[in-house]
């Protein structure tokens, strides 16, 4: 399983807009390459089309195209554009980042228990009368997620794996010592000075 995490970090709304534009670009690239694209989780801002972060699941039936695409979006990236929210603001450089994860699903399952349950809410008779929802629990930490967005139990199980992995990664970051966080922040600042991709203007045109 290939996951791609996009994040605006602690940046202002313009950085979140860059994440939203990146999502549209990645979705287009996936369509062109025949890669299945799913948004596992997204933290939206109140401004339309702006995302604080987004976790994507990419799947390809042939070769390593999903992995190659995700790798091309890994690292610090820069969007150069006049702010749409603060027209008189002098700053035009907005940073966001991408991080790829390649998950061995069999390995992850060794520490996870899955439970099926009846889905709730809208979705028609099929959803309401079958045990299609899935709850995944990481035994060691007790961290749990529930997924019922897909119609099939198999699809919900894959989505639950991805979401649980992201929750475990977040928990690891929260448990870092102050010294470790300082090193991580320093690395991020260095990366910002050398973006792997640079986009320009409201059309989010790739220039690097």
Foldseek 3Di string as FASTA:
>chain_A
DKKKKKALPPDDQVSQLVVLLVVVVLVVVCVVVVKDKDWLDWAADPDPSGTRMTMIDIHDPDDCPRVVSLVLQAFKEWEFEQDPVDNVDPDGIGIMGMDMDDDDVVVLCVQKDKDFAQDDDDDDDQRRPDRQKMKIARNVPRDIDIFSPDSHNVVNVVSRSRVSVVVVVVVVLVPDDPVVVVVVVVVNVVRNVPDSWYFYYPNRHTDD
